[in-house]
PDB file of N, CA and C in Angstrom:
ATOM      1  N   UNK A   1     100.904  95.912  93.003  1.00  0.00           N
ATOM      2  CA  UNK A   1     100.019  95.918  94.012  1.00  0.00           C
ATOM      3  C   UNK A   1     100.252  95.034  95.283  1.00  0.00           C
ATOM      4  N   UNK A   2     100.004  95.668  96.047  1.00  0.00           N
ATOM      5  CA  UNK A   2     100.143  94.687  97.379  1.00  0.00           C
ATOM      6  C   UNK A   2      99.228  94.958  98.498  1.00  0.00           C
ATOM      7  N   UNK A   3      98.610  94.126  99.336  1.00  0.00           N
ATOM      8  CA  UNK A   3      97.852  94.035 100.377  1.00  0.00           C
ATOM      9  C   UNK A   3      98.875  94.072 101.513  1.00  0.00           C
ATOM     10  N   UNK A   4      98.451  94.955 102.295  1.00  0.00           N
ATOM     11  CA  UNK A   4      98.806  95.182 103.790  1.00  0.00           C
ATOM     12  C   UNK A   4      97.848  95.548 104.553  1.00  0.00           C
ATOM     13  N   UNK A   5      98.385  95.415 105.976  1.00  0.00           N
ATOM     14  CA  UNK A   5      97.320  95.449 107.173  1.00  0.00           C
ATOM     15  C   UNK A   5      97.415  97.370 107.668  1.00  0.00           C
ATOM     16  N   UNK A   6      96.002  97.788 107.581  1.00  0.00           N
ATOM     17  CA  UNK A   6      96.244  99.321 107.949  1.00  0.00           C
ATOM     18  C   UNK A   6      95.080  99.134 109.069  1.00  0.00           C
ATOM     19  N   UNK A   7      95.752  99.848 110.172  1.00  0.00           N
ATOM     20  CA  UNK A   7      95.040  99.391 111.583  1.00  0.00           C
ATOM     21  C   UNK A   7      94.348  97.936 111.678  1.00  0.00           C
ATOM     22  N   UNK A   8      94.982  96.841 111.310  1.00  0.00           N
ATOM     23  CA  UNK A   8      94.615  95.815 111.579  1.00  0.00           C
ATOM     24  C   UNK A   8      93.442  95.217 110.612  1.00  0.00           C
ATOM     25  N   UNK A   9      93.485  96.119 109.236  1.00  0.00           N
ATOM     26  CA  UNK A   9      92.158  95.738 108.417  1.00  0.00           C
ATOM     27  C   UNK A   9      92.996  95.815 107.030  1.00  0.00           C
ATOM     28  N   UNK A  10      92.712  94.908 106.066  1.00  0.00           N
ATOM     29  CA  UNK A  10      93.282  94.857 104.930  1.00  0.00           C
ATOM     30  C   UNK A  10      93.244  96.220 103.901  1.00  0.00           C
ATOM     31  N   UNK A  11      94.310  96.722 103.398  1.00  0.00           N
ATOM     32  CA  UNK A  11      94.387  97.820 102.528  1.00  0.00           C
ATOM     33  C   UNK A  11      95.223  97.343 101.259  1.00  0.00           C
ATOM     34  N   UNK A  12      94.933  98.424 100.473  1.00  0.00           N
ATOM     35  CA  UNK A  12      95.627  98.010  99.238  1.00  0.00           C
ATOM     36  C   UNK A  12      96.656  99.505  98.564  1.00  0.00           C
ATOM     37  N   UNK A  13      97.817  98.780  98.118  1.00  0.00           N
ATOM     38  CA  UNK A  13      98.664  99.969  97.808  1.00  0.00           C
ATOM     39  C   UNK A  13      99.271  99.397  96.534  1.00  0.00           C
ATOM     40  N   UNK A  14      99.841 100.574  95.546  1.00  0.00           N
ATOM     41  CA  UNK A  14     100.688 100.345  94.652  1.00  0.00           C
ATOM     42  C   UNK A  14     101.653 101.581  94.522  1.00  0.00           C
ATOM     43  N   UNK A  15     102.909 100.913  94.301  1.00  0.00           N
ATOM     44  CA  UNK A  15     104.060 101.952  94.491  1.00  0.00           C
ATOM     45  C   UNK A  15     104.316 102.722  96.021  1.00  0.00           C
ATOM     46  N   UNK A  16     103.690 101.755  96.855  1.00  0.00           N
ATOM     47  CA  UNK A  16     103.982 102.364  98.435  1.00  0.00           C
ATOM     48  C   UNK A  16     102.915 103.443  98.849  1.00  0.00           C
ATOM     49  N   UNK A  17     101.750 103.402  97.708  1.00  0.00           N
ATOM     50  CA  UNK A  17     100.784 104.550  98.118  1.00  0.00           C
ATOM     51  C   UNK A  17      99.493 103.748  98.209  1.00  0.00           C
ATOM     52  N   UNK A  18      98.838 103.976  99.240  1.00  0.00           N
ATOM     53  CA  UNK A  18      97.412 103.344  99.295  1.00  0.00           C
ATOM     54  C   UNK A  18      96.031 103.925  98.284  1.00  0.00           C
ATOM     55  N   UNK A  19      95.404 102.903  98.073  1.00  0.00           N
ATOM     56  CA  UNK A  19      94.377 103.374  97.006  1.00  0.00           C
ATOM     57  C   UNK A  19      93.002 102.911  97.174  1.00  0.00           C
ATOM     58  N   UNK A  20      93.023 101.717  98.259  1.00  0.00           N
ATOM     59  CA  UNK A  20      91.652 101.225  98.644  1.00  0.00           C
ATOM     60  C   UNK A  20      91.976 100.510  99.765  1.00  0.00           C
ATOM     61  N   UNK A  21      90.964 100.548 100.801  1.00  0.00           N
ATOM     62  CA  UNK A  21      91.195  99.657 102.041  1.00  0.00           C
ATOM     63  C   UNK A  21      89.718  99.089 102.169  1.00  0.00           C
ATOM     64  N   UNK A  22      89.745  98.201 103.331  1.00  0.00           N
ATOM     65  CA  UNK A  22      88.586  97.749 104.101  1.00  0.00           C
ATOM     66  C   UNK A  22      88.701  98.522 105.500  1.00  0.00           C
ATOM     67  N   UNK A  23      89.032  99.474 105.896  1.00  0.00           N
ATOM     68  CA  UNK A  23      88.857  99.916 107.167  1.00  0.00           C
ATOM     69  C   UNK A  23      87.521 100.342 107.348  1.00  0.00           C
ATOM     70  N   UNK A  24      86.372 100.299 106.895  1.00  0.00           N
ATOM     71  CA  UNK A  24      85.175 100.627 107.254  1.00  0.00           C
ATOM     72  C   UNK A  24      84.252  99.297 106.943  1.00  0.00           C
ATOM     73  N   UNK A  25      84.813  98.317 106.831  1.00  0.00           N
ATOM     74  CA  UNK A  25      84.327  96.876 106.382  1.00  0.00           C
ATOM     75  C   UNK A  25      83.323  96.363 107.570  1.00  0.00           C
ATOM     76  N   UNK A  26      83.650  96.994 108.751  1.00  0.00           N
ATOM     77  CA  UNK A  26      82.544  96.589 109.939  1.00  0.00           C
ATOM     78  C   UNK A  26      81.141  97.289 109.610  1.00  0.00           C
ATOM     79  N   UNK A  27      81.174  98.301 108.709  1.00  0.00           N
ATOM     80  CA  UNK A  27      79.969  99.311 108.507  1.00  0.00           C
ATOM     81  C   UNK A  27      79.598  98.554 107.210  1.00  0.00           C
ATOM     82  N   UNK A  28      80.040  97.820 106.177  1.00  0.00           N
ATOM     83  CA  UNK A  28      79.586  97.262 105.415  1.00  0.00           C
ATOM     84  C   UNK A  28      80.457  97.967 104.049  1.00  0.00           C
ATOM     85  N   UNK A  29      81.301  98.823 104.069  1.00  0.00           N
ATOM     86  CA  UNK A  29      81.878  99.871 103.065  1.00  0.00           C
ATOM     87  C   UNK A  29      83.250  99.424 103.015  1.00  0.00           C
ATOM     88  N   UNK A  30      84.015  99.566 101.534  1.00  0.00           N
ATOM     89  CA  UNK A  30      85.156  99.497 101.393  1.00  0.00           C
ATOM     90  C   UNK A  30      85.469 100.998 101.205  1.00  0.00           C
ATOM     91  N   UNK A  31      86.600 101.455 100.803  1.00  0.00           N
ATOM     92  CA  UNK A  31      87.026 102.772 100.841  1.00  0.00           C
ATOM     93  C   UNK A  31      87.713 102.817  99.341  1.00  0.00           C
ATOM     94  N   UNK A  32      87.481 103.792  98.877  1.00  0.00           N
ATOM     95  CA  UNK A  32      88.223 104.114  97.490  1.00  0.00           C
ATOM     96  C   UNK A  32      88.935 105.595  97.361  1.00  0.00           C
ATOM     97  N   UNK A  33      90.018 105.490  97.100  1.00  0.00           N
ATOM     98  CA  UNK A  33      90.597 106.849  97.019  1.00  0.00           C
ATOM     99  C   UNK A  33      90.468 107.536  95.501  1.00  0.00           C
ATOM    100  N   UNK A  34      89.556 108.401  95.444  1.00  0.00           N
ATOM    101  CA  UNK A  34      89.025 108.844  94.021  1.00  0.00           C
ATOM    102  C   UNK A  34      89.670 110.148  93.790  1.00  0.00           C
ATOM    103  N   UNK A  35      89.259 110.804  92.687  1.00  0.00           N
ATOM    104  CA  UNK A  35      89.330 112.263  92.489  1.00  0.00           C
ATOM    105  C   UNK A  35      87.956 112.553  92.854  1.00  0.00           C
ATOM    106  N   UNK A  36      87.763 113.961  93.149  1.00  0.00           N
ATOM    107  CA  UNK A  36      86.404 114.544  93.415  1.00  0.00           C
ATOM    108  C   UNK A  36      85.607 114.431  92.116  1.00  0.00           C
ATOM    109  N   UNK A  37      86.171 114.366  90.879  1.00  0.00           N
ATOM    110  CA  UNK A  37      85.400 114.365  89.525  1.00  0.00           C
ATOM    111  C   UNK A  37      85.145 112.700  89.599  1.00  0.00           C
ATOM    112  N   UNK A  38      85.825 112.012  89.823  1.00  0.00           N
ATOM    113  CA  UNK A  38      85.578 110.378  89.876  1.00  0.00           C
ATOM    114  C   UNK A  38      84.395 110.010  90.788  1.00  0.00           C
ATOM    115  N   UNK A  39      84.502 110.574  92.206  1.00  0.00           N
ATOM    116  CA  UNK A  39      83.556 110.431  93.250  1.00  0.00           C
ATOM    117  C   UNK A  39      82.154 110.964  92.808  1.00  0.00           C
ATOM    118  N   UNK A  40      82.032 112.213  92.023  1.00  0.00           N
ATOM    119  CA  UNK A  40      80.872 112.658  91.688  1.00  0.00           C
ATOM    120  C   UNK A  40      80.302 111.847  90.558  1.00  0.00           C
ATOM    121  N   UNK A  41      81.149 111.486  89.714  1.00  0.00           N
ATOM    122  CA  UNK A  41      80.549 110.639  88.782  1.00  0.00           C
ATOM    123  C   UNK A  41      79.859 109.033  89.051  1.00  0.00           C
ATOM    124  N   UNK A  42      80.666 108.510  90.224  1.00  0.00           N
ATOM    125  CA  UNK A  42      80.305 107.588  90.548  1.00  0.00           C
ATOM    126  C   UNK A  42      79.169 107.618  91.490  1.00  0.00           C
ATOM    127  N   UNK A  43      79.029 108.737  92.334  1.00  0.00           N
ATOM    128  CA  UNK A  43      77.757 108.980  93.016  1.00  0.00           C
ATOM    129  C   UNK A  43      76.542 108.976  92.352  1.00  0.00           C
ATOM    130  N   UNK A  44      76.840 109.768  91.150  1.00  0.00           N
ATOM    131  CA  UNK A  44      75.554 109.975  90.426  1.00  0.00           C
ATOM    132  C   UNK A  44      75.054 109.048  89.792  1.00  0.00           C
ATOM    133  N   UNK A  45      75.987 108.211  89.265  1.00  0.00           N
ATOM    134  CA  UNK A  45      75.728 106.857  88.559  1.00  0.00           C
ATOM    135  C   UNK A  45      74.877 105.900  89.244  1.00  0.00           C
ATOM    136  N   UNK A  46      75.442 105.685  90.739  1.00  0.00           N
ATOM    137  CA  UNK A  46      74.910 104.633  91.593  1.00  0.00           C
ATOM    138  C   UNK A  46      74.967 105.104  93.066  1.00  0.00           C
ATOM    139  N   UNK A  47      74.128 105.911  93.153  1.00  0.00           N
ATOM    140  CA  UNK A  47      74.086 106.535  94.607  1.00  0.00           C
ATOM    141  C   UNK A  47      73.577 105.391  95.690  1.00  0.00           C
ATOM    142  N   UNK A  48      73.128 104.438  95.178  1.00  0.00           N
ATOM    143  CA  UNK A  48      72.943 103.057  96.156  1.00  0.00           C
ATOM    144  C   UNK A  48      74.093 102.364  96.416  1.00  0.00           C
ATOM    145  N   UNK A  49      75.253 102.755  95.882  1.00  0.00           N
ATOM    146  CA  UNK A  49      76.346 101.948  96.112  1.00  0.00           C
ATOM    147  C   UNK A  49      77.502 102.618  96.461  1.00  0.00           C
ATOM    148  N   UNK A  50      77.483 104.080  95.936  1.00  0.00           N
ATOM    149  CA  UNK A  50      78.866 104.855  96.233  1.00  0.00           C
ATOM    150  C   UNK A  50      78.195 106.211  97.009  1.00  0.00           C
ATOM    151  N   UNK A  51      79.007 106.541  98.289  1.00  0.00           N
ATOM    152  CA  UNK A  51      78.974 107.830  98.874  1.00  0.00           C
ATOM    153  C   UNK A  51      79.946 108.343  99.186  1.00  0.00           C
ATOM    154  N   UNK A  52      80.073 109.661  99.436  1.00  0.00           N
ATOM    155  CA  UNK A  52      81.494 110.193  99.700  1.00  0.00           C
ATOM    156  C   UNK A  52      81.804 109.885 101.177  1.00  0.00           C
ATOM    157  N   UNK A  53      83.079 109.504 101.678  1.00  0.00           N
ATOM    158  CA  UNK A  53      83.093 109.239 103.180  1.00  0.00           C
ATOM    159  C   UNK A  53      82.940 110.577 104.021  1.00  0.00           C
ATOM    160  N   UNK A  54      82.129 110.417 104.962  1.00  0.00           N
ATOM    161  CA  UNK A  54      81.748 111.747 105.918  1.00  0.00           C
ATOM    162  C   UNK A  54      82.957 112.202 106.124  1.00  0.00           C
ATOM    163  N   UNK A  55      83.006 113.569 106.195  1.00  0.00           N
ATOM    164  CA  UNK A  55      83.787 114.706 106.988  1.00  0.00           C
ATOM    165  C   UNK A  55      84.876 115.026 105.741  1.00  0.00           C
ATOM    166  N   UNK A  56      86.064 115.154 106.351  1.00  0.00           N
ATOM    167  CA  UNK A  56      87.097 116.115 105.711  1.00  0.00           C
ATOM    168  C   UNK A  56      87.582 114.987 104.263  1.00  0.00           C
ATOM    169  N   UNK A  57      87.664 113.713 104.604  1.00  0.00           N
ATOM    170  CA  UNK A  57      88.083 112.722 103.672  1.00  0.00           C
ATOM    171  C   UNK A  57      87.040 112.577 102.709  1.00  0.00           C
ATOM    172  N   UNK A  58      85.907 112.491 102.822  1.00  0.00           N
ATOM    173  CA  UNK A  58      85.081 112.531 101.537  1.00  0.00           C
ATOM    174  C   UNK A  58      85.104 113.892 100.638  1.00  0.00           C
ATOM    175  N   UNK A  59      85.471 114.978 101.325  1.00  0.00           N
ATOM    176  CA  UNK A  59      85.712 116.688 100.557  1.00  0.00           C
ATOM    177  C   UNK A  59      86.969 116.222  99.624  1.00  0.00           C
ATOM    178  N   UNK A  60      88.008 115.410  99.822  1.00  0.00           N
ATOM    179  CA  UNK A  60      88.876 115.113  98.923  1.00  0.00           C
ATOM    180  C   UNK A  60      89.031 113.752  98.231  1.00  0.00           C
ATOM    181  N   UNK A  61      87.793 113.375  97.907  1.00  0.00           N
ATOM    182  CA  UNK A  61      87.755 112.144  97.226  1.00  0.00           C
ATOM    183  C   UNK A  61      87.435 110.940  97.815  1.00  0.00           C
ATOM    184  N   UNK A  62      87.696 110.713  99.074  1.00  0.00           N
ATOM    185  CA  UNK A  62      87.680 109.205  99.358  1.00  0.00           C
ATOM    186  C   UNK A  62      86.249 108.953  99.495  1.00  0.00           C
ATOM    187  N   UNK A  63      85.876 107.680  99.042  1.00  0.00           N
ATOM    188  CA  UNK A  63      84.456 107.373  98.631  1.00  0.00           C
ATOM    189  C   UNK A  63      84.240 105.894  99.169  1.00  0.00           C
ATOM    190  N   UNK A  64      83.107 105.865  99.869  1.00  0.00           N
ATOM    191  CA  UNK A  64      82.706 104.262 100.203  1.00  0.00           C
ATOM    192  C   UNK A  64      81.990 103.736  99.261  1.00  0.00           C
ATOM    193  N   UNK A  65      82.166 102.504  99.177  1.00  0.00           N
ATOM    194  CA  UNK A  65      81.529 101.601  98.161  1.00  0.00           C
ATOM    195  C   UNK A  65      80.827 100.404  99.097  1.00  0.00           C
ATOM    196  N   UNK A  66      79.603 100.568  98.999  1.00  0.00           N
ATOM    197  CA  UNK A  66      78.593  99.868  99.592  1.00  0.00           C
ATOM    198  C   UNK A  66      78.921  98.374  99.023  1.00  0.00           C
ATOM    199  N   UNK A  67      79.611  97.376 100.071  1.00  0.00           N
ATOM    200  CA  UNK A  67      80.115  95.994  99.524  1.00  0.00           C
ATOM    201  C   UNK A  67      78.946  95.193  99.123  1.00  0.00           C
ATOM    202  N   UNK A  68      77.864  95.027  99.959  1.00  0.00           N
ATOM    203  CA  UNK A  68      76.777  93.995  99.685  1.00  0.00           C
ATOM    204  C   UNK A  68      75.669  94.366  98.454  1.00  0.00           C
ATOM    205  N   UNK A  69      76.080  95.692  98.132  1.00  0.00           N
ATOM    206  CA  UNK A  69      75.160  96.315  97.059  1.00  0.00           C
ATOM    207  C   UNK A  69      75.926  96.072  95.497  1.00  0.00           C
ATOM    208  N   UNK A  70      77.288  96.205  95.536  1.00  0.00           N
ATOM    209  CA  UNK A  70      78.106  96.303  94.385  1.00  0.00           C
ATOM    210  C   UNK A  70      78.148  94.781  93.847  1.00  0.00           C
ATOM    211  N   UNK A  71      77.829  94.372  92.411  1.00  0.00           N
ATOM    212  CA  UNK A  71      78.296  93.432  91.837  1.00  0.00           C
ATOM    213  C   UNK A  71      79.904  93.451  91.514  1.00  0.00           C
ATOM    214  N   UNK A  72      80.176  92.272  91.223  1.00  0.00           N
ATOM    215  CA  UNK A  72      81.420  91.792  91.128  1.00  0.00           C
ATOM    216  C   UNK A  72      82.210  92.970  90.206  1.00  0.00           C
ATOM    217  N   UNK A  73      81.482  93.075  88.901  1.00  0.00           N
ATOM    218  CA  UNK A  73      81.704  93.836  87.892  1.00  0.00           C
ATOM    219  C   UNK A  73      82.033  95.325  88.467  1.00  0.00           C
ATOM    220  N   UNK A  74      81.295  96.031  89.303  1.00  0.00           N
ATOM    221  CA  UNK A  74      81.291  97.280  89.638  1.00  0.00           C
ATOM    222  C   UNK A  74      82.104  97.498  90.680  1.00  0.00           C
ATOM    223  N   UNK A  75      82.517  96.268  91.633  1.00  0.00           N
ATOM    224  CA  UNK A  75      83.519  96.612  92.470  1.00  0.00           C
ATOM    225  C   UNK A  75      84.775  96.584  91.539  1.00  0.00           C
ATOM    226  N   UNK A  76      85.030  95.567  90.883  1.00  0.00           N
ATOM    227  CA  UNK A  76      86.323  95.352  89.790  1.00  0.00           C
ATOM    228  C   UNK A  76      86.611  96.608  89.277  1.00  0.00           C
ATOM    229  N   UNK A  77      85.604  97.416  88.390  1.00  0.00           N
ATOM    230  CA  UNK A  77      85.855  98.561  87.940  1.00  0.00           C
ATOM    231  C   UNK A  77      85.965  99.633  88.657  1.00  0.00           C
ATOM    232  N   UNK A  78      85.582  99.737  90.023  1.00  0.00           N
ATOM    233  CA  UNK A  78      85.667 100.786  90.746  1.00  0.00           C
ATOM    234  C   UNK A  78      87.358 100.628  91.347  1.00  0.00           C
ATOM    235  N   UNK A  79      87.690  99.749  91.657  1.00  0.00           N
ATOM    236  CA  UNK A  79      88.976  99.215  92.028  1.00  0.00           C
ATOM    237  C   UNK A  79      90.156  99.536  91.195  1.00  0.00           C
ATOM    238  N   UNK A  80      89.856  99.262  89.880  1.00  0.00           N
ATOM    239  CA  UNK A  80      90.750  99.537  88.863  1.00  0.00           C
ATOM    240  C   UNK A  80      90.831 101.018  88.489  1.00  0.00           C
ATOM    241  N   UNK A  81      89.851 102.046  88.994  1.00  0.00           N
ATOM    242  CA  UNK A  81      89.715 103.118  88.682  1.00  0.00           C
ATOM    243  C   UNK A  81      90.678 103.732  89.770  1.00  0.00           C
ATOM    244  N   UNK A  82      90.525 103.330  90.841  1.00  0.00           N
ATOM    245  CA  UNK A  82      91.379 103.889  92.256  1.00  0.00           C
ATOM    246  C   UNK A  82      92.789 103.421  92.126  1.00  0.00           C
ATOM    247  N   UNK A  83      93.018 102.185  91.636  1.00  0.00           N
ATOM    248  CA  UNK A  83      94.210 101.993  91.095  1.00  0.00           C
ATOM    249  C   UNK A  83      95.065 102.696  90.218  1.00  0.00           C
ATOM    250  N   UNK A  84      94.356 102.662  88.906  1.00  0.00           N
ATOM    251  CA  UNK A  84      94.954 103.207  87.971  1.00  0.00           C
ATOM    252  C   UNK A  84      95.227 104.946  88.321  1.00  0.00           C
ATOM    253  N   UNK A  85      94.166 105.628  89.137  1.00  0.00           N
ATOM    254  CA  UNK A  85      94.779 106.785  89.535  1.00  0.00           C
ATOM    255  C   UNK A  85      95.768 106.833  90.291  1.00  0.00           C
ATOM    256  N   UNK A  86      96.039 106.100  91.341  1.00  0.00           N
ATOM    257  CA  UNK A  86      97.277 105.969  92.143  1.00  0.00           C
ATOM    258  C   UNK A  86      98.419 105.714  91.294  1.00  0.00           C
ATOM    259  N   UNK A  87      98.384 105.008  90.122  1.00  0.00           N
ATOM    260  CA  UNK A  87      99.487 104.615  89.478  1.00  0.00           C
ATOM    261  C   UNK A  87     100.054 105.876  88.776  1.00  0.00           C
ATOM    262  N   UNK A  88      99.071 106.862  88.212  1.00  0.00           N
ATOM    263  CA  UNK A  88      99.112 108.010  87.621  1.00  0.00           C
ATOM    264  C   UNK A  88      99.750 108.986  88.218  1.00  0.00           C
ATOM    265  N   UNK A  89      98.912 109.157  89.591  1.00  0.00           N
ATOM    266  CA  UNK A  89      99.830 110.098  90.528  1.00  0.00           C
ATOM    267  C   UNK A  89     101.333 109.775  91.098  1.00  0.00           C
ATOM    268  N   UNK A  90     101.652 108.661  91.375  1.00  0.00           N
ATOM    269  CA  UNK A  90     102.890 107.939  91.317  1.00  0.00           C
ATOM    270  C   UNK A  90     104.075 108.399  90.266  1.00  0.00           C
ATOM    271  N   UNK A  91     103.500 108.194  89.029  1.00  0.00           N
ATOM    272  CA  UNK A  91     104.209 108.510  87.829  1.00  0.00           C
ATOM    273  C   UNK A  91     104.553 110.138  87.855  1.00  0.00           C
ATOM    274  N   UNK A  92     103.449 110.760  88.306  1.00  0.00           N
ATOM    275  CA  UNK A  92     103.620 112.325  88.067  1.00  0.00           C
ATOM    276  C   UNK A  92     104.526 112.673  89.110  1.00  0.00           C
ATOM    277  N   UNK A  93     104.597 112.025  90.364  1.00  0.00           N
ATOM    278  CA  UNK A  93     105.307 112.566  91.721  1.00  0.00           C
ATOM    279  C   UNK A  93     106.897 112.264  91.395  1.00  0.00           C
ATOM    280  N   UNK A  94     107.109 111.084  90.681  1.00  0.00           N
ATOM    281  CA  UNK A  94     108.409 110.688  90.090  1.00  0.00           C
ATOM    282  C   UNK A  94     108.853 111.665  88.973  1.00  0.00           C
ATOM    283  N   UNK A  95     108.105 112.117  88.075  1.00  0.00           N
ATOM    284  CA  UNK A  95     108.656 112.907  87.060  1.00  0.00           C
ATOM    285  C   UNK A  95     108.906 114.333  87.868  1.00  0.00           C
ATOM    286  N   UNK A  96     107.970 114.967  88.689  1.00  0.00           N
ATOM    287  CA  UNK A  96     108.253 115.939  89.641  1.00  0.00           C
ATOM    288  C   UNK A  96     109.584 116.067  90.288  1.00  0.00           C
ATOM    289  N   UNK A  97     109.571 115.011  90.953  1.00  0.00           N
ATOM    290  CA  UNK A  97     110.746 114.765  91.523  1.00  0.00           C
ATOM    291  C   UNK A  97     112.136 114.796  90.737  1.00  0.00           C
ATOM    292  N   UNK A  98     112.218 113.899  89.634  1.00  0.00           N
ATOM    293  CA  UNK A  98     113.157 114.118  88.837  1.00  0.00           C
ATOM    294  C   UNK A  98     113.540 115.288  88.234  1.00  0.00           C
ATOM    295  N   UNK A  99     112.527 116.112  87.775  1.00  0.00           N
ATOM    296  CA  UNK A  99     112.565 117.446  87.331  1.00  0.00           C
ATOM    297  C   UNK A  99     113.372 118.582  88.282  1.00  0.00           C
ATOM    298  N   UNK A 100     112.965 118.122  89.611  1.00  0.00           N
ATOM    299  CA  UNK A 100     113.683 119.111  90.799  1.00  0.00           C
ATOM    300  C   UNK A 100     114.944 118.774  90.893  1.00  0.00           C
ATOM    301  N   UNK A 101     115.083 117.406  90.770  1.00  0.00           N
ATOM    302  CA  UNK A 101     116.323 117.066  90.884  1.00  0.00           C
ATOM    303  C   UNK A 101     117.349 117.450  89.833  1.00  0.00           C
ATOM    304  N   UNK A 102     116.949 117.196  88.700  1.00  0.00           N
ATOM    305  CA  UNK A 102     117.578 117.831  87.341  1.00  0.00           C
ATOM    306  C   UNK A 102     117.871 119.250  87.594  1.00  0.00           C
ATOM    307  N   UNK A 103     117.098 119.899  87.857  1.00  0.00           N
ATOM    308  CA  UNK A 103     116.996 121.404  88.095  1.00  0.00           C
ATOM    309  C   UNK A 103     118.052 121.762  89.102  1.00  0.00           C
ATOM    310  N   UNK A 104     118.043 121.155  90.223  1.00  0.00           N
ATOM    311  CA  UNK A 104     119.165 121.340  91.361  1.00  0.00           C
ATOM    312  C   UNK A 104     120.413 120.977  91.098  1.00  0.00           C
ATOM    313  N   UNK A 105     120.761 119.884  90.437  1.00  0.00           N
ATOM    314  CA  UNK A 105     122.056 119.653  89.667  1.00  0.00           C
ATOM    315  C   UNK A 105     122.482 120.597  88.766  1.00  0.00           C
ATOM    316  N   UNK A 106     121.543 120.895  87.862  1.00  0.00           N
ATOM    317  CA  UNK A 106     122.119 122.007  86.671  1.00  0.00           C
ATOM    318  C   UNK A 106     122.288 123.351  87.480  1.00  0.00           C
ATOM    319  N   UNK A 107     121.531 123.661  88.667  1.00  0.00           N
ATOM    320  CA  UNK A 107     121.755 124.974  89.073  1.00  0.00           C
ATOM    321  C   UNK A 107     123.142 124.878  89.931  1.00  0.00           C
ATOM    322  N   UNK A 108     123.620 123.762  90.487  1.00  0.00           N
ATOM    323  CA  UNK A 108     124.858 123.374  91.049  1.00  0.00           C
ATOM    324  C   UNK A 108     125.981 123.677  90.035  1.00  0.00           C
ATOM    325  N   UNK A 109     125.878 123.068  88.830  1.00  0.00           N
ATOM    326  CA  UNK A 109     126.649 123.019  88.071  1.00  0.00           C
ATOM    327  C   UNK A 109     126.857 124.435  87.405  1.00  0.00           C
ATOM    328  N   UNK A 110     125.952 125.148  87.362  1.00  0.00           N
ATOM    329  CA  UNK A 110     125.947 126.676  86.951  1.00  0.00           C
ATOM    330  C   UNK A 110     126.642 127.484  88.063  1.00  0.00           C
ATOM    331  N   UNK A 111     126.590 127.259  89.065  1.00  0.00           N
ATOM    332  CA  UNK A 111     127.191 127.919  90.002  1.00  0.00           C
ATOM    333  C   UNK A 111     128.668 127.774  90.297  1.00  0.00           C
ATOM    334  N   UNK A 112     128.907 126.649  90.097  1.00  0.00           N
ATOM    335  CA  UNK A 112     130.492 126.354  89.932  1.00  0.00           C
ATOM    336  C   UNK A 112     131.417 127.305  88.763  1.00  0.00           C
ATOM    337  N   UNK A 113     130.632 127.629  87.970  1.00  0.00           N
ATOM    338  CA  UNK A 113     131.402 128.289  86.816  1.00  0.00           C
ATOM    339  C   UNK A 113     131.815 129.678  87.105  1.00  0.00           C
TER     340      UNK A 113
END
């Protein structure tokens, strides 16, 4: 995991891909990149802490966390969830790229016969 600057504010990524940021910190929020299912579960469990980011980003799982309302345990758990999702997506993307590359190499070998 690494911290980097996104629009001049702290953001966090793993494997080169963002999973959380403080882009809305001035409004009292952190931002998490979740699935829609995870977002719905977080909002249902703690609507005073979690809410979808308004607009299109919220419709794909991006979620605000109210920083002042979240305990350290809740914040840690939410960040861990977003981090794990990014790790899993990165692994899936690597597998798909590897499969496509292998398929392309096999196709080239077959074409030379």
